[in-house]
Amino acid sequence: MRKHSKETPEASSQQEEKPELQLVRRNCEVCEWEALLIEPAGSSTLCLWCRAPTRGTVIIEQVEGLSSQPGKNPYAAALGRLGGLKGGNARAAALTSKQRHDIARKAANTRWGKTKSRKK
């Protein structure tokens, strides 16, 4: 049995018309405040410290996947993705050869279940 929705075409069009969100780096024109913000396209934000106007530089024009999964916080997801793009490469560049060796040994031991006991 099929359920009929009682929504009017106007109500359904209001749900679909969500503002396009973008990731913006904001800098205050007066003080030294700066932040990464997710905001609707074309909006302006005042400085959180001194309430002066800010300049915005768009980093990601359209943040994808913000409304596709209803249980997630879209702002946290977008900021996490931004850091995730550079996280592994930055970590690999910071590790020494010995640290990489130890990490690889631990991964192999975990995968294969073999540990070498060191004799004293």
Protein backbone atom coordinates (compact mmCIF):
# COMPACT_ATOMS: atom_id res chain seq x y z
CA MET A 1 0.00 0.00 0.00
CA ARG A 2 1.39 3.35 -0.99
CA LYS A 3 1.37 6.31 1.35
CA HIS A 4 0.59 9.65 -0.17
CA SER A 5 2.56 12.60 1.07
CA LYS A 6 0.58 15.64 2.06
CA GLU A 7 3.42 18.05 1.24
CA THR A 8 2.63 20.83 -1.12
CA PRO A 9 5.01 21.56 -3.99
CA GLU A 10 6.02 24.77 -2.20
CA ALA A 11 7.09 22.90 0.96
CA SER A 12 9.17 20.37 -0.95
CA SER A 13 10.91 23.11 -2.97
CA GLN A 14 11.82 24.90 0.27
CA GLN A 15 13.53 21.76 1.56
CA GLU A 16 15.55 21.32 -1.64
CA GLU A 17 16.74 24.95 -1.80
CA LYS A 18 19.58 24.81 0.69
CA PRO A 19 22.22 27.50 0.46
CA GLU A 20 25.47 26.45 -1.18
CA LEU A 21 28.12 26.22 1.53
CA GLN A 22 31.78 27.00 1.03
CA LEU A 23 34.94 26.87 3.13
CA VAL A 24 36.34 30.38 3.64
CA ARG A 25 39.44 31.73 5.39
CA ARG A 26 38.44 34.97 7.12
CA ASN A 27 40.90 37.73 8.18
CA CYS A 28 39.93 40.79 10.20
CA GLU A 29 40.72 44.14 8.61
CA VAL A 30 41.53 45.71 12.01
CA CYS A 31 42.98 43.12 14.41
CA GLU A 32 44.90 39.88 13.83
CA TRP A 33 41.93 37.51 14.00
CA GLU A 34 41.70 34.79 11.36
CA ALA A 35 39.66 31.62 11.07
CA LEU A 36 38.42 28.90 8.74
CA LEU A 37 34.63 29.05 8.47
CA ILE A 38 31.96 27.19 6.55
CA GLU A 39 29.38 29.68 5.42
CA PRO A 40 26.78 30.21 2.68
CA ALA A 41 28.06 31.64 -0.59
CA GLY A 42 28.08 35.44 -0.65
CA SER A 43 27.76 35.97 3.09
CA SER A 44 29.96 38.22 5.19
CA THR A 45 31.05 37.72 8.78
CA LEU A 46 32.17 40.20 11.41
CA CYS A 47 35.33 39.64 13.42
CA LEU A 48 34.63 37.65 16.58
CA TRP A 49 37.16 39.68 18.58
CA CYS A 50 36.56 43.30 17.60
CA ARG A 51 33.37 43.07 15.46
CA ALA A 52 35.07 44.79 12.49
CA PRO A 53 34.50 43.73 8.87
CA THR A 54 36.50 40.77 7.56
CA ARG A 55 38.02 39.75 4.24
CA GLY A 56 37.24 36.26 3.00
CA THR A 57 39.26 33.99 0.73
CA VAL A 58 37.32 31.02 -0.62
CA ILE A 59 39.30 27.80 -0.17
CA ILE A 60 36.71 25.26 -1.31
CA GLU A 61 33.91 26.74 -3.42
CA GLN A 62 31.34 24.04 -2.82
CA VAL A 63 31.70 21.73 0.16
CA GLU A 64 30.47 18.36 -1.08
CA GLY A 65 28.44 15.89 0.90
CA LEU A 66 27.20 18.27 3.57
CA SER A 67 23.58 17.20 3.43
CA SER A 68 23.91 13.65 2.06
CA GLN A 69 24.28 11.95 5.47
CA PRO A 70 21.77 13.24 8.00
CA GLY A 71 23.54 11.97 11.16
CA LYS A 72 26.83 13.84 10.65
CA ASN A 73 27.81 17.39 11.51
CA PRO A 74 28.55 18.93 8.08
CA TYR A 75 30.94 21.53 9.47
CA ALA A 76 33.10 18.95 11.24
CA ALA A 77 33.09 16.72 8.16
CA ALA A 78 34.32 19.51 5.89
CA LEU A 79 37.07 20.61 8.27
CA GLY A 80 38.13 17.00 8.83
CA ARG A 81 38.39 16.46 5.10
CA LEU A 82 40.53 19.56 4.75
CA GLY A 83 43.04 18.28 7.31
CA GLY A 84 42.80 14.72 6.02
CA LEU A 85 44.10 15.69 2.61
CA LYS A 86 47.49 16.62 3.99
CA GLY A 87 47.74 14.51 7.17
CA GLY A 88 49.39 11.31 5.90
CA ASN A 89 51.95 13.07 3.72
CA ALA A 90 52.93 15.47 6.50
CA ARG A 91 53.31 12.60 8.97
CA ALA A 92 55.43 10.55 6.55
CA ALA A 93 57.72 13.51 5.88
CA ALA A 94 58.24 14.08 9.61
CA LEU A 95 59.18 10.46 10.48
CA THR A 96 62.78 9.30 10.72
CA SER A 97 63.99 6.09 9.08
CA LYS A 98 64.04 4.30 12.45
CA GLN A 99 60.46 5.39 13.24
CA ARG A 100 59.25 4.14 9.84
CA HIS A 101 61.08 0.85 10.44
CA ASP A 102 59.46 0.40 13.87
CA ILE A 103 55.99 1.19 12.51
CA ALA A 104 56.43 -1.30 9.65
CA ARG A 105 57.70 -4.00 12.04
CA LYS A 106 54.75 -3.48 14.39
CA ALA A 107 52.30 -3.66 11.45
CA ALA A 108 53.87 -6.88 10.15
CA ASN A 109 53.83 -8.48 13.61
CA THR A 110 50.21 -7.52 14.08
CA ARG A 111 49.21 -8.82 10.66
CA TRP A 112 51.02 -12.13 10.79
CA GLY A 113 50.79 -12.72 14.54
CA LYS A 114 54.47 -13.43 14.87
CA THR A 115 56.60 -11.71 17.43
CA LYS A 116 60.28 -12.24 17.78
CA SER A 117 61.34 -12.67 21.34
CA ARG A 118 64.64 -11.06 22.03
CA LYS A 119 67.17 -13.12 23.93
CA LYS A 120 69.01 -11.36 26.69
